[in-house]
Amino acid sequence: MSETNSFSRRDALKGFVLLCGAGALGAERSVQGAELPHLSAQDPTAKALGFTEDAKTVDPKKYPTYKTGQTCSNCQQLQGSPGDTYRPCNVFAGKAVNSNGWCQVWVKKA
């Protein structure tokens, strides 16, 4: 009797799930490794949220919620590695923000 190489439906499904998981992981790594474009203060969302590249230039009269010492680097929304000048932000998806910046969505990092 000759032996055939056949797969059960269970084996096929396991292989499919593993393949999909590996593909998703590879896609995530390529996005994280890609250089994000820097957020411009002229960006419409940045303008609407009062974003500035340098928190030292924020006008407290115009933005009364701003307090000295608040920067993107100590905001809950900022992601990425501490110490990097430009990092991803939850508010400005697909853009890297200056960690020395500030916007009205600033929330103290826990």
PDB file of N, CA and C in Angstrom:
ATOM      1  N   MET A   1       0.849  -1.167   0.000  1.00  0.00           N
ATOM      2  CA  MET A   1       0.000   0.000   0.000  1.00  0.00           C
ATOM      3  C   MET A   1       0.897   1.232   0.000  1.00  0.00           C
ATOM      4  N   SER A   2       0.637   2.149  -0.883  1.00  0.00           N
ATOM      5  CA  SER A   2       1.470   3.353  -0.953  1.00  0.00           C
ATOM      6  C   SER A   2       0.948   4.399   0.020  1.00  0.00           C
ATOM      7  N   GLU A   3       1.894   5.121   0.587  1.00  0.00           N
ATOM      8  CA  GLU A   3       1.534   6.160   1.552  1.00  0.00           C
ATOM      9  C   GLU A   3       1.359   7.477   0.805  1.00  0.00           C
ATOM     10  N   THR A   4       0.268   8.176   1.046  1.00  0.00           N
ATOM     11  CA  THR A   4       0.040   9.463   0.390  1.00  0.00           C
ATOM     12  C   THR A   4       0.243  10.579   1.399  1.00  0.00           C
ATOM     13  N   ASN A   5       0.663  11.698   0.903  1.00  0.00           N
ATOM     14  CA  ASN A   5       0.822  12.872   1.756  1.00  0.00           C
ATOM     15  C   ASN A   5      -0.483  13.649   1.746  1.00  0.00           C
ATOM     16  N   SER A   6      -1.288  13.424   2.748  1.00  0.00           N
ATOM     17  CA  SER A   6      -2.551  14.157   2.824  1.00  0.00           C
ATOM     18  C   SER A   6      -2.601  14.909   4.143  1.00  0.00           C
ATOM     19  N   PHE A   7      -3.353  15.987   4.127  1.00  0.00           N
ATOM     20  CA  PHE A   7      -3.516  16.816   5.314  1.00  0.00           C
ATOM     21  C   PHE A   7      -4.959  16.738   5.774  1.00  0.00           C
ATOM     22  N   SER A   8      -5.121  16.714   7.052  1.00  0.00           N
ATOM     23  CA  SER A   8      -6.479  16.794   7.576  1.00  0.00           C
ATOM     24  C   SER A   8      -6.915  18.253   7.519  1.00  0.00           C
ATOM     25  N   ARG A   9      -8.195  18.460   7.637  1.00  0.00           N
ATOM     26  CA  ARG A   9      -8.681  19.840   7.654  1.00  0.00           C
ATOM     27  C   ARG A   9      -8.099  20.586   8.845  1.00  0.00           C
ATOM     28  N   ARG A  10      -7.930  19.900   9.951  1.00  0.00           N
ATOM     29  CA  ARG A  10      -7.363  20.513  11.144  1.00  0.00           C
ATOM     30  C   ARG A  10      -5.935  20.982  10.871  1.00  0.00           C
ATOM     31  N   ASP A  11      -5.108  20.149  10.243  1.00  0.00           N
ATOM     32  CA  ASP A  11      -3.730  20.527   9.912  1.00  0.00           C
ATOM     33  C   ASP A  11      -3.698  21.710   8.944  1.00  0.00           C
ATOM     34  N   ALA A  12      -4.598  21.685   7.966  1.00  0.00           N
ATOM     35  CA  ALA A  12      -4.654  22.785   6.997  1.00  0.00           C
ATOM     36  C   ALA A  12      -5.036  24.090   7.690  1.00  0.00           C
ATOM     37  N   LEU A  13      -6.008  24.017   8.598  1.00  0.00           N
ATOM     38  CA  LEU A  13      -6.439  25.218   9.316  1.00  0.00           C
ATOM     39  C   LEU A  13      -5.329  25.752  10.211  1.00  0.00           C
ATOM     40  N   LYS A  14      -4.605  24.871  10.900  1.00  0.00           N
ATOM     41  CA  LYS A  14      -3.479  25.297  11.731  1.00  0.00           C
ATOM     42  C   LYS A  14      -2.435  26.015  10.887  1.00  0.00           C
ATOM     43  N   GLY A  15      -2.112  25.435   9.740  1.00  0.00           N
ATOM     44  CA  GLY A  15      -1.131  26.049   8.839  1.00  0.00           C
ATOM     45  C   GLY A  15      -1.582  27.424   8.368  1.00  0.00           C
ATOM     46  N   PHE A  16      -2.873  27.544   8.041  1.00  0.00           N
ATOM     47  CA  PHE A  16      -3.417  28.816   7.580  1.00  0.00           C
ATOM     48  C   PHE A  16      -3.319  29.879   8.671  1.00  0.00           C
ATOM     49  N   VAL A  17      -3.688  29.505   9.898  1.00  0.00           N
ATOM     50  CA  VAL A  17      -3.637  30.444  11.017  1.00  0.00           C
ATOM     51  C   VAL A  17      -2.198  30.885  11.277  1.00  0.00           C
ATOM     52  N   LEU A  18      -1.265  29.956  11.249  1.00  0.00           N
ATOM     53  CA  LEU A  18       0.146  30.304  11.452  1.00  0.00           C
ATOM     54  C   LEU A  18       0.641  31.235  10.353  1.00  0.00           C
ATOM     55  N   LEU A  19       0.255  30.951   9.119  1.00  0.00           N
ATOM     56  CA  LEU A  19       0.674  31.786   7.991  1.00  0.00           C
ATOM     57  C   LEU A  19       0.119  33.200   8.119  1.00  0.00           C
ATOM     58  N   CYS A  20      -1.149  33.320   8.491  1.00  0.00           N
ATOM     59  CA  CYS A  20      -1.760  34.648   8.666  1.00  0.00           C
ATOM     60  C   CYS A  20      -1.092  35.414   9.797  1.00  0.00           C
ATOM     61  N   GLY A  21      -0.817  34.735  10.887  1.00  0.00           N
ATOM     62  CA  GLY A  21      -0.161  35.378  12.029  1.00  0.00           C
ATOM     63  C   GLY A  21       1.221  35.870  11.677  1.00  0.00           C
ATOM     64  N   ALA A  22       1.972  35.070  10.942  1.00  0.00           N
ATOM     65  CA  ALA A  22       3.323  35.462  10.533  1.00  0.00           C
ATOM     66  C   ALA A  22       3.269  36.656   9.583  1.00  0.00           C
ATOM     67  N   GLY A  23       2.290  36.664   8.692  1.00  0.00           N
ATOM     68  CA  GLY A  23       2.143  37.784   7.765  1.00  0.00           C
ATOM     69  C   GLY A  23       1.808  39.068   8.483  1.00  0.00           C
ATOM     70  N   ALA A  24       0.911  38.984   9.456  1.00  0.00           N
ATOM     71  CA  ALA A  24       0.536  40.177  10.226  1.00  0.00           C
ATOM     72  C   ALA A  24       1.712  40.700  11.025  1.00  0.00           C
ATOM     73  N   LEU A  25       2.486  39.808  11.620  1.00  0.00           N
ATOM     74  CA  LEU A  25       3.650  40.219  12.396  1.00  0.00           C
ATOM     75  C   LEU A  25       4.675  40.903  11.499  1.00  0.00           C
ATOM     76  N   GLY A  26       4.900  40.366  10.322  1.00  0.00           N
ATOM     77  CA  GLY A  26       5.847  40.974   9.382  1.00  0.00           C
ATOM     78  C   GLY A  26       5.390  42.350   8.934  1.00  0.00           C
ATOM     79  N   ALA A  27       4.084  42.511   8.699  1.00  0.00           N
ATOM     80  CA  ALA A  27       3.550  43.810   8.293  1.00  0.00           C
ATOM     81  C   ALA A  27       3.713  44.826   9.411  1.00  0.00           C
ATOM     82  N   GLU A  28       3.476  44.418  10.655  1.00  0.00           N
ATOM     83  CA  GLU A  28       3.619  45.329  11.796  1.00  0.00           C
ATOM     84  C   GLU A  28       5.060  45.787  11.934  1.00  0.00           C
ATOM     85  N   ARG A  29       5.991  44.885  11.783  1.00  0.00           N
ATOM     86  CA  ARG A  29       7.404  45.250  11.904  1.00  0.00           C
ATOM     87  C   ARG A  29       7.816  46.218  10.809  1.00  0.00           C
ATOM     88  N   SER A  30       7.302  46.037   9.591  1.00  0.00           N
ATOM     89  CA  SER A  30       7.706  46.933   8.511  1.00  0.00           C
ATOM     90  C   SER A  30       7.153  48.334   8.742  1.00  0.00           C
ATOM     91  N   VAL A  31       5.952  48.449   9.331  1.00  0.00           N
ATOM     92  CA  VAL A  31       5.384  49.773   9.622  1.00  0.00           C
ATOM     93  C   VAL A  31       6.183  50.440  10.733  1.00  0.00           C
ATOM     94  N   GLN A  32       6.521  49.689  11.789  1.00  0.00           N
ATOM     95  CA  GLN A  32       7.284  50.266  12.879  1.00  0.00           C
ATOM     96  C   GLN A  32       8.658  50.697  12.410  1.00  0.00           C
ATOM     97  N   GLY A  33       9.247  49.944  11.502  1.00  0.00           N
ATOM     98  CA  GLY A  33      10.587  50.254  11.040  1.00  0.00           C
ATOM     99  C   GLY A  33      10.621  51.382  10.022  1.00  0.00           C
ATOM    100  N   ALA A  34       9.475  51.678   9.426  1.00  0.00           N
ATOM    101  CA  ALA A  34       9.439  52.730   8.412  1.00  0.00           C
ATOM    102  C   ALA A  34       9.558  54.095   9.082  1.00  0.00           C
ATOM    103  N   GLU A  35      10.219  55.001   8.421  1.00  0.00           N
ATOM    104  CA  GLU A  35      10.356  56.371   8.923  1.00  0.00           C
ATOM    105  C   GLU A  35       9.048  57.114   8.669  1.00  0.00           C
ATOM    106  N   LEU A  36       8.411  57.558   9.728  1.00  0.00           N
ATOM    107  CA  LEU A  36       7.164  58.314   9.592  1.00  0.00           C
ATOM    108  C   LEU A  36       7.482  59.748   9.190  1.00  0.00           C
ATOM    109  N   PRO A  37       6.609  60.364   8.389  1.00  0.00           N
ATOM    110  CA  PRO A  37       6.816  61.779   8.062  1.00  0.00           C
ATOM    111  C   PRO A  37       6.614  62.634   9.313  1.00  0.00           C
ATOM    112  N   HIS A  38       7.375  63.703   9.419  1.00  0.00           N
ATOM    113  CA  HIS A  38       7.257  64.598  10.577  1.00  0.00           C
ATOM    114  C   HIS A  38       6.006  65.452  10.452  1.00  0.00           C
ATOM    115  N   LEU A  39       5.335  65.631  11.571  1.00  0.00           N
ATOM    116  CA  LEU A  39       4.147  66.471  11.609  1.00  0.00           C
ATOM    117  C   LEU A  39       4.547  67.925  11.444  1.00  0.00           C
ATOM    118  N   SER A  40       3.870  68.610  10.559  1.00  0.00           N
ATOM    119  CA  SER A  40       4.103  70.031  10.337  1.00  0.00           C
ATOM    120  C   SER A  40       3.093  70.836  11.145  1.00  0.00           C
ATOM    121  N   ALA A  41       3.510  71.957  11.665  1.00  0.00           N
ATOM    122  CA  ALA A  41       2.591  72.838  12.387  1.00  0.00           C
ATOM    123  C   ALA A  41       1.517  73.381  11.444  1.00  0.00           C
ATOM    124  N   GLN A  42       1.743  73.261  10.132  1.00  0.00           N
ATOM    125  CA  GLN A  42       0.775  73.727   9.134  1.00  0.00           C
ATOM    126  C   GLN A  42      -0.277  72.677   8.809  1.00  0.00           C
ATOM    127  N   ASP A  43      -0.106  71.455   9.292  1.00  0.00           N
ATOM    128  CA  ASP A  43      -1.080  70.394   9.091  1.00  0.00           C
ATOM    129  C   ASP A  43      -2.424  70.839   9.672  1.00  0.00           C
ATOM    130  N   PRO A  44      -3.537  70.613   8.965  1.00  0.00           N
ATOM    131  CA  PRO A  44      -4.841  71.090   9.459  1.00  0.00           C
ATOM    132  C   PRO A  44      -5.191  70.572  10.863  1.00  0.00           C
ATOM    133  N   THR A  45      -4.905  69.311  11.158  1.00  0.00           N
ATOM    134  CA  THR A  45      -5.193  68.775  12.492  1.00  0.00           C
ATOM    135  C   THR A  45      -4.278  69.415  13.526  1.00  0.00           C
ATOM    136  N   ALA A  46      -3.017  69.602  13.157  1.00  0.00           N
ATOM    137  CA  ALA A  46      -2.064  70.242  14.067  1.00  0.00           C
ATOM    138  C   ALA A  46      -2.516  71.665  14.396  1.00  0.00           C
ATOM    139  N   LYS A  47      -2.962  72.387  13.381  1.00  0.00           N
ATOM    140  CA  LYS A  47      -3.449  73.757  13.597  1.00  0.00           C
ATOM    141  C   LYS A  47      -4.665  73.758  14.518  1.00  0.00           C
ATOM    142  N   ALA A  48      -5.593  72.830  14.269  1.00  0.00           N
ATOM    143  CA  ALA A  48      -6.824  72.777  15.065  1.00  0.00           C
ATOM    144  C   ALA A  48      -6.543  72.471  16.533  1.00  0.00           C
ATOM    145  N   LEU A  49      -5.461  71.724  16.801  1.00  0.00           N
ATOM    146  CA  LEU A  49      -5.134  71.342  18.173  1.00  0.00           C
ATOM    147  C   LEU A  49      -4.029  72.192  18.783  1.00  0.00           C
ATOM    148  N   GLY A  50      -3.654  73.266  18.091  1.00  0.00           N
ATOM    149  CA  GLY A  50      -2.664  74.190  18.632  1.00  0.00           C
ATOM    150  C   GLY A  50      -1.265  73.590  18.743  1.00  0.00           C
ATOM    151  N   PHE A  51      -0.935  72.628  17.878  1.00  0.00           N
ATOM    152  CA  PHE A  51       0.373  71.981  17.952  1.00  0.00           C
ATOM    153  C   PHE A  51       1.494  72.962  17.619  1.00  0.00           C
ATOM    154  N   THR A  52       2.548  72.879  18.402  1.00  0.00           N
ATOM    155  CA  THR A  52       3.767  73.632  18.131  1.00  0.00           C
ATOM    156  C   THR A  52       4.947  72.689  18.310  1.00  0.00           C
ATOM    157  N   GLU A  53       5.992  72.873  17.514  1.00  0.00           N
ATOM    158  CA  GLU A  53       7.181  72.020  17.570  1.00  0.00           C
ATOM    159  C   GLU A  53       7.996  72.247  18.842  1.00  0.00           C
ATOM    160  N   ASP A  54       7.829  73.410  19.459  1.00  0.00           N
ATOM    161  CA  ASP A  54       8.605  73.746  20.646  1.00  0.00           C
ATOM    162  C   ASP A  54       7.671  74.294  21.721  1.00  0.00           C
ATOM    163  N   ALA A  55       7.475  73.524  22.784  1.00  0.00           N
ATOM    164  CA  ALA A  55       6.547  73.920  23.842  1.00  0.00           C
ATOM    165  C   ALA A  55       6.926  75.251  24.489  1.00  0.00           C
ATOM    166  N   LYS A  56       8.196  75.641  24.405  1.00  0.00           N
ATOM    167  CA  LYS A  56       8.633  76.913  24.999  1.00  0.00           C
ATOM    168  C   LYS A  56       8.007  78.117  24.302  1.00  0.00           C
ATOM    169  N   THR A  57       7.465  77.893  23.089  1.00  0.00           N
ATOM    170  CA  THR A  57       6.881  79.002  22.334  1.00  0.00           C
ATOM    171  C   THR A  57       5.360  79.093  22.485  1.00  0.00           C
ATOM    172  N   VAL A  58       4.756  78.235  23.304  1.00  0.00           N
ATOM    173  CA  VAL A  58       3.300  78.252  23.483  1.00  0.00           C
ATOM    174  C   VAL A  58       2.885  79.533  24.202  1.00  0.00           C
ATOM    175  N   ASP A  59       1.856  80.174  23.675  1.00  0.00           N
ATOM    176  CA  ASP A  59       1.309  81.393  24.284  1.00  0.00           C
ATOM    177  C   ASP A  59       0.257  80.979  25.318  1.00  0.00           C
ATOM    178  N   PRO A  60       0.566  81.110  26.626  1.00  0.00           N
ATOM    179  CA  PRO A  60      -0.385  80.684  27.659  1.00  0.00           C
ATOM    180  C   PRO A  60      -1.695  81.475  27.662  1.00  0.00           C
ATOM    181  N   LYS A  61      -1.679  82.659  27.090  1.00  0.00           N
ATOM    182  CA  LYS A  61      -2.927  83.441  26.997  1.00  0.00           C
ATOM    183  C   LYS A  61      -3.851  82.809  25.956  1.00  0.00           C
ATOM    184  N   LYS A  62      -3.272  82.335  24.861  1.00  0.00           N
ATOM    185  CA  LYS A  62      -4.051  81.696  23.795  1.00  0.00           C
ATOM    186  C   LYS A  62      -4.456  80.277  24.197  1.00  0.00           C
ATOM    187  N   TYR A  63      -3.581  79.591  24.941  1.00  0.00           N
ATOM    188  CA  TYR A  63      -3.818  78.214  25.379  1.00  0.00           C
ATOM    189  C   TYR A  63      -3.698  78.136  26.900  1.00  0.00           C
ATOM    190  N   PRO A  64      -4.746  78.519  27.625  1.00  0.00           N
ATOM    191  CA  PRO A  64      -4.676  78.570  29.091  1.00  0.00           C
ATOM    192  C   PRO A  64      -4.481  77.207  29.763  1.00  0.00           C
ATOM    193  N   THR A  65      -4.710  76.118  29.047  1.00  0.00           N
ATOM    194  CA  THR A  65      -4.493  74.795  29.642  1.00  0.00           C
ATOM    195  C   THR A  65      -3.005  74.434  29.680  1.00  0.00           C
ATOM    196  N   TYR A  66      -2.195  75.169  28.928  1.00  0.00           N
ATOM    197  CA  TYR A  66      -0.748  74.892  28.904  1.00  0.00           C
ATOM    198  C   TYR A  66      -0.102  75.321  30.226  1.00  0.00           C
ATOM    199  N   LYS A  67       0.740  74.438  30.735  1.00  0.00           N
ATOM    200  CA  LYS A  67       1.535  74.738  31.932  1.00  0.00           C
ATOM    201  C   LYS A  67       3.004  74.498  31.600  1.00  0.00           C
ATOM    202  N   THR A  68       3.883  75.323  32.108  1.00  0.00           N
ATOM    203  CA  THR A  68       5.318  75.177  31.880  1.00  0.00           C
ATOM    204  C   THR A  68       5.757  73.754  32.219  1.00  0.00           C
ATOM    205  N   GLY A  69       6.552  73.185  31.343  1.00  0.00           N
ATOM    206  CA  GLY A  69       7.049  71.829  31.557  1.00  0.00           C
ATOM    207  C   GLY A  69       6.296  70.766  30.771  1.00  0.00           C
ATOM    208  N   GLN A  70       5.109  71.109  30.259  1.00  0.00           N
ATOM    209  CA  GLN A  70       4.366  70.153  29.454  1.00  0.00           C
ATOM    210  C   GLN A  70       4.996  70.064  28.067  1.00  0.00           C
ATOM    211  N   THR A  71       5.356  68.871  27.662  1.00  0.00           N
ATOM    212  CA  THR A  71       5.873  68.627  26.305  1.00  0.00           C
ATOM    213  C   THR A  71       5.332  67.286  25.834  1.00  0.00           C
ATOM    214  N   CYS A  72       5.464  67.031  24.559  1.00  0.00           N
ATOM    215  CA  CYS A  72       5.037  65.740  24.015  1.00  0.00           C
ATOM    216  C   CYS A  72       5.770  64.589  24.715  1.00  0.00           C
ATOM    217  N   SER A  73       7.016  64.815  25.110  1.00  0.00           N
ATOM    218  CA  SER A  73       7.795  63.734  25.719  1.00  0.00           C
ATOM    219  C   SER A  73       7.223  63.262  27.057  1.00  0.00           C
ATOM    220  N   ASN A  74       6.423  64.105  27.740  1.00  0.00           N
ATOM    221  CA  ASN A  74       5.812  63.654  28.986  1.00  0.00           C
ATOM    222  C   ASN A  74       4.289  63.561  28.863  1.00  0.00           C
ATOM    223  N   CYS A  75       3.820  63.341  27.631  1.00  0.00           N
ATOM    224  CA  CYS A  75       2.393  63.189  27.339  1.00  0.00           C
ATOM    225  C   CYS A  75       2.053  61.710  27.144  1.00  0.00           C
ATOM    226  N   GLN A  76       0.902  61.315  27.627  1.00  0.00           N
ATOM    227  CA  GLN A  76       0.415  59.942  27.517  1.00  0.00           C
ATOM    228  C   GLN A  76       0.254  59.502  26.058  1.00  0.00           C
ATOM    229  N   GLN A  77      -0.007  60.446  25.162  1.00  0.00           N
ATOM    230  CA  GLN A  77      -0.278  60.108  23.761  1.00  0.00           C
ATOM    231  C   GLN A  77       0.970  59.707  22.965  1.00  0.00           C
ATOM    232  N   LEU A  78       2.148  60.134  23.421  1.00  0.00           N
ATOM    233  CA  LEU A  78       3.382  59.883  22.667  1.00  0.00           C
ATOM    234  C   LEU A  78       3.819  58.442  22.832  1.00  0.00           C
ATOM    235  N   GLN A  79       4.208  57.826  21.731  1.00  0.00           N
ATOM    236  CA  GLN A  79       4.662  56.437  21.705  1.00  0.00           C
ATOM    237  C   GLN A  79       6.148  56.402  21.336  1.00  0.00           C
ATOM    238  N   GLY A  80       6.668  55.217  21.122  1.00  0.00           N
ATOM    239  CA  GLY A  80       8.056  55.086  20.667  1.00  0.00           C
ATOM    240  C   GLY A  80       9.047  55.044  21.806  1.00  0.00           C
ATOM    241  N   SER A  81      10.305  55.183  21.430  1.00  0.00           N
ATOM    242  CA  SER A  81      11.401  55.060  22.390  1.00  0.00           C
ATOM    243  C   SER A  81      11.748  56.390  23.039  1.00  0.00           C
ATOM    244  N   PRO A  82      11.772  56.428  24.376  1.00  0.00           N
ATOM    245  CA  PRO A  82      12.185  57.657  25.061  1.00  0.00           C
ATOM    246  C   PRO A  82      13.576  58.086  24.580  1.00  0.00           C
ATOM    247  N   GLY A  83      13.743  59.369  24.409  1.00  0.00           N
ATOM    248  CA  GLY A  83      15.020  59.889  23.943  1.00  0.00           C
ATOM    249  C   GLY A  83      15.031  60.208  22.459  1.00  0.00           C
ATOM    250  N   ASP A  84      14.121  59.588  21.668  1.00  0.00           N
ATOM    251  CA  ASP A  84      14.051  59.903  20.238  1.00  0.00           C
ATOM    252  C   ASP A  84      13.404  61.275  20.071  1.00  0.00           C
ATOM    253  N   THR A  85      13.959  62.095  19.201  1.00  0.00           N
ATOM    254  CA  THR A  85      13.425  63.443  18.986  1.00  0.00           C
ATOM    255  C   THR A  85      12.050  63.400  18.344  1.00  0.00           C
ATOM    256  N   TYR A  86      11.860  62.566  17.319  1.00  0.00           N
ATOM    257  CA  TYR A  86      10.570  62.433  16.645  1.00  0.00           C
ATOM    258  C   TYR A  86      10.017  61.048  16.908  1.00  0.00           C
ATOM    259  N   ARG A  87       8.753  61.020  17.385  1.00  0.00           N
ATOM    260  CA  ARG A  87       8.128  59.760  17.751  1.00  0.00           C
ATOM    261  C   ARG A  87       6.664  59.739  17.321  1.00  0.00           C
ATOM    262  N   PRO A  88       6.089  58.548  17.156  1.00  0.00           N
ATOM    263  CA  PRO A  88       4.669  58.452  16.802  1.00  0.00           C
ATOM    264  C   PRO A  88       3.784  58.963  17.945  1.00  0.00           C
ATOM    265  N   CYS A  89       2.625  59.477  17.569  1.00  0.00           N
ATOM    266  CA  CYS A  89       1.670  60.008  18.549  1.00  0.00           C
ATOM    267  C   CYS A  89       0.288  59.437  18.228  1.00  0.00           C
ATOM    268  N   ASN A  90      -0.463  59.060  19.257  1.00  0.00           N
ATOM    269  CA  ASN A  90      -1.816  58.526  19.060  1.00  0.00           C
ATOM    270  C   ASN A  90      -2.755  59.549  18.430  1.00  0.00           C
ATOM    271  N   VAL A  91      -2.522  60.812  18.656  1.00  0.00           N
ATOM    272  CA  VAL A  91      -3.403  61.860  18.147  1.00  0.00           C
ATOM    273  C   VAL A  91      -3.165  62.117  16.663  1.00  0.00           C
ATOM    274  N   PHE A  92      -1.929  62.086  16.236  1.00  0.00           N
ATOM    275  CA  PHE A  92      -1.560  62.386  14.856  1.00  0.00           C
ATOM    276  C   PHE A  92      -1.103  61.098  14.167  1.00  0.00           C
ATOM    277  N   ALA A  93      -2.058  60.246  13.854  1.00  0.00           N
ATOM    278  CA  ALA A  93      -1.769  58.936  13.274  1.00  0.00           C
ATOM    279  C   ALA A  93      -0.962  59.054  11.983  1.00  0.00           C
ATOM    280  N   GLY A  94       0.054  58.212  11.877  1.00  0.00           N
ATOM    281  CA  GLY A  94       0.870  58.176  10.672  1.00  0.00           C
ATOM    282  C   GLY A  94       1.911  59.273  10.592  1.00  0.00           C
ATOM    283  N   LYS A  95       2.050  60.058  11.645  1.00  0.00           N
ATOM    284  CA  LYS A  95       3.032  61.148  11.665  1.00  0.00           C
ATOM    285  C   LYS A  95       3.900  61.008  12.904  1.00  0.00           C
ATOM    286  N   ALA A  96       5.104  61.521  12.810  1.00  0.00           N
ATOM    287  CA  ALA A  96       6.005  61.580  13.963  1.00  0.00           C
ATOM    288  C   ALA A  96       6.020  63.020  14.457  1.00  0.00           C
ATOM    289  N   VAL A  97       5.886  63.186  15.765  1.00  0.00           N
ATOM    290  CA  VAL A  97       5.873  64.534  16.339  1.00  0.00           C
ATOM    291  C   VAL A  97       7.174  64.801  17.079  1.00  0.00           C
ATOM    292  N   ASN A  98       7.534  66.053  17.170  1.00  0.00           N
ATOM    293  CA  ASN A  98       8.721  66.460  17.910  1.00  0.00           C
ATOM    294  C   ASN A  98       8.434  66.259  19.391  1.00  0.00           C
ATOM    295  N   SER A  99       9.284  65.525  20.070  1.00  0.00           N
ATOM    296  CA  SER A  99       9.049  65.248  21.495  1.00  0.00           C
ATOM    297  C   SER A  99       9.142  66.513  22.348  1.00  0.00           C
ATOM    298  N   ASN A 100       9.669  67.605  21.791  1.00  0.00           N
ATOM    299  CA  ASN A 100       9.725  68.890  22.493  1.00  0.00           C
ATOM    300  C   ASN A 100       8.479  69.736  22.232  1.00  0.00           C
ATOM    301  N   GLY A 101       7.551  69.194  21.431  1.00  0.00           N
ATOM    302  CA  GLY A 101       6.353  69.941  21.058  1.00  0.00           C
ATOM    303  C   GLY A 101       5.278  69.904  22.124  1.00  0.00           C
ATOM    304  N   TRP A 102       4.106  70.442  21.752  1.00  0.00           N
ATOM    305  CA  TRP A 102       2.948  70.470  22.643  1.00  0.00           C
ATOM    306  C   TRP A 102       1.692  70.689  21.806  1.00  0.00           C
ATOM    307  N   CYS A 103       0.560  70.137  22.275  1.00  0.00           N
ATOM    308  CA  CYS A 103      -0.748  70.443  21.685  1.00  0.00           C
ATOM    309  C   CYS A 103      -1.796  70.402  22.789  1.00  0.00           C
ATOM    310  N   GLN A 104      -3.013  70.819  22.462  1.00  0.00           N
ATOM    311  CA  GLN A 104      -4.092  70.917  23.448  1.00  0.00           C
ATOM    312  C   GLN A 104      -4.571  69.567  23.983  1.00  0.00           C
ATOM    313  N   VAL A 105      -4.154  68.474  23.367  1.00  0.00           N
ATOM    314  CA  VAL A 105      -4.587  67.153  23.796  1.00  0.00           C
ATOM    315  C   VAL A 105      -3.607  66.567  24.825  1.00  0.00           C
ATOM    316  N   TRP A 106      -2.635  67.356  25.260  1.00  0.00           N
ATOM    317  CA  TRP A 106      -1.624  66.883  26.206  1.00  0.00           C
ATOM    318  C   TRP A 106      -2.299  66.297  27.449  1.00  0.00           C
ATOM    319  N   VAL A 107      -1.845  65.073  27.828  1.00  0.00           N
ATOM    320  CA  VAL A 107      -2.321  64.390  29.035  1.00  0.00           C
ATOM    321  C   VAL A 107      -1.092  63.863  29.757  1.00  0.00           C
ATOM    322  N   LYS A 108      -0.992  64.132  31.044  1.00  0.00           N
ATOM    323  CA  LYS A 108       0.179  63.707  31.811  1.00  0.00           C
ATOM    324  C   LYS A 108       0.374  62.197  31.722  1.00  0.00           C
ATOM    325  N   LYS A 109       1.596  61.797  31.390  1.00  0.00           N
ATOM    326  CA  LYS A 109       1.939  60.389  31.303  1.00  0.00           C
ATOM    327  C   LYS A 109       1.824  59.751  32.682  1.00  0.00           C
ATOM    328  N   ALA A 110       1.185  58.594  32.727  1.00  0.00           N
ATOM    329  CA  ALA A 110       0.978  57.891  34.003  1.00  0.00           C
ATOM    330  C   ALA A 110       2.283  57.358  34.559  1.00  0.00           C
TER     331      ALA A 110
END
